[in-house]
Protein backbone atom coordinates (compact mmCIF):
# COMPACT_ATOMS: atom_id res chain seq x y z
CA UNK A 1 31.09 -148.73 111.69
CA UNK A 2 28.99 -145.73 110.61
CA UNK A 3 25.45 -144.80 110.97
CA UNK A 4 23.35 -145.44 107.59
CA UNK A 5 22.95 -142.02 106.37
CA UNK A 6 19.20 -142.98 104.69
CA UNK A 7 18.37 -145.43 107.60
CA UNK A 8 14.85 -143.93 108.08
CA UNK A 9 13.91 -143.76 104.62
CA UNK A 10 14.92 -147.02 104.25
CA UNK A 11 13.15 -148.45 106.27
CA UNK A 12 10.07 -146.72 105.37
CA UNK A 13 10.75 -147.61 102.07
CA UNK A 14 10.62 -151.39 103.00
CA UNK A 15 7.51 -150.87 105.67
CA UNK A 16 4.64 -151.39 103.06
CA UNK A 17 5.96 -155.06 101.86
CA UNK A 18 6.74 -155.47 105.62
CA UNK A 19 3.32 -155.06 106.49
CA UNK A 20 1.94 -157.47 104.07
CA UNK A 21 3.85 -160.09 104.78
CA UNK A 22 7.27 -159.56 104.00
CA UNK A 23 10.42 -160.11 106.10
CA UNK A 24 12.68 -157.46 107.20
CA UNK A 25 16.20 -158.86 108.84
CA UNK A 26 18.24 -155.87 110.22
CA UNK A 27 20.70 -155.10 112.19
CA UNK A 28 20.24 -152.68 115.07
CA UNK A 29 23.08 -151.37 117.14
CA UNK A 30 21.72 -149.45 120.19
CA UNK A 31 24.71 -146.80 120.75
CA UNK A 32 24.78 -146.07 116.71
CA UNK A 33 21.40 -146.28 115.84
CA UNK A 34 19.16 -145.25 118.52
CA UNK A 35 17.41 -142.13 116.82
CA UNK A 36 16.57 -144.34 113.68
CA UNK A 37 12.72 -145.10 113.70
CA UNK A 38 13.56 -148.81 113.19
CA UNK A 39 15.80 -148.88 116.63
CA UNK A 40 13.40 -146.66 118.15
CA UNK A 41 10.58 -148.86 117.43
CA UNK A 42 12.35 -152.51 118.55
CA UNK A 43 13.91 -150.92 121.89
CA UNK A 44 10.86 -149.25 122.98
CA UNK A 45 8.43 -152.48 122.68
CA UNK A 46 6.13 -150.66 120.03
CA UNK A 47 6.78 -153.55 117.83
CA UNK A 48 5.74 -156.79 119.81
CA UNK A 49 2.91 -157.07 117.78
CA UNK A 50 4.64 -157.09 114.54
CA UNK A 51 6.98 -160.48 115.51
CA UNK A 52 10.04 -159.25 116.20
CA UNK A 53 12.61 -161.07 117.32
CA UNK A 54 15.77 -160.21 118.96
CA UNK A 55 19.25 -162.23 118.45
CA UNK A 56 22.15 -160.97 120.55
CA UNK A 57 24.99 -162.00 119.71
CA UNK A 58 28.30 -162.34 121.57
CA UNK A 59 31.60 -160.57 120.99
CA UNK A 60 33.15 -163.82 120.49
CA UNK A 61 31.12 -165.02 117.68
CA UNK A 62 33.67 -163.50 115.05
CA UNK A 63 36.68 -165.22 114.41
CA UNK A 64 40.08 -163.59 116.19
CA UNK A 65 38.12 -161.91 119.03
CA UNK A 66 38.74 -163.56 122.15
CA UNK A 67 38.79 -162.21 125.88
CA UNK A 68 42.00 -160.15 125.29
CA UNK A 69 40.45 -158.59 122.34
CA UNK A 70 37.56 -157.63 124.80
CA UNK A 71 39.38 -156.31 127.18
CA UNK A 72 42.02 -154.12 124.94
CA UNK A 73 38.16 -152.99 123.35
CA UNK A 74 37.26 -151.71 127.19
CA UNK A 75 40.15 -150.17 127.59
CA UNK A 76 39.79 -148.03 124.05
C-alpha cells in the first residue's frame, strides 16, 4: 500500500465539516502515514478533545491471514 499523495490536502479540506459536528472515518498506518497531519494528530494525542476513537485490528481478521501468513510476512 502506498501513501495517499494528497492526504494532508484531503484532511484539511474536510476539517471544517468535521469541526462543525461532522464525522471522519479514516485509516492511519503508523509506518506509512506518520508524516500526514491526521496521523501526527492521532499519534501525538493532540486530538484527545476531538473524540478520536482508536480501533486496532489484528492481522487475522482478514480472511486468508493466519499464523502461517503472519510468520511469512515477518520474514519478508
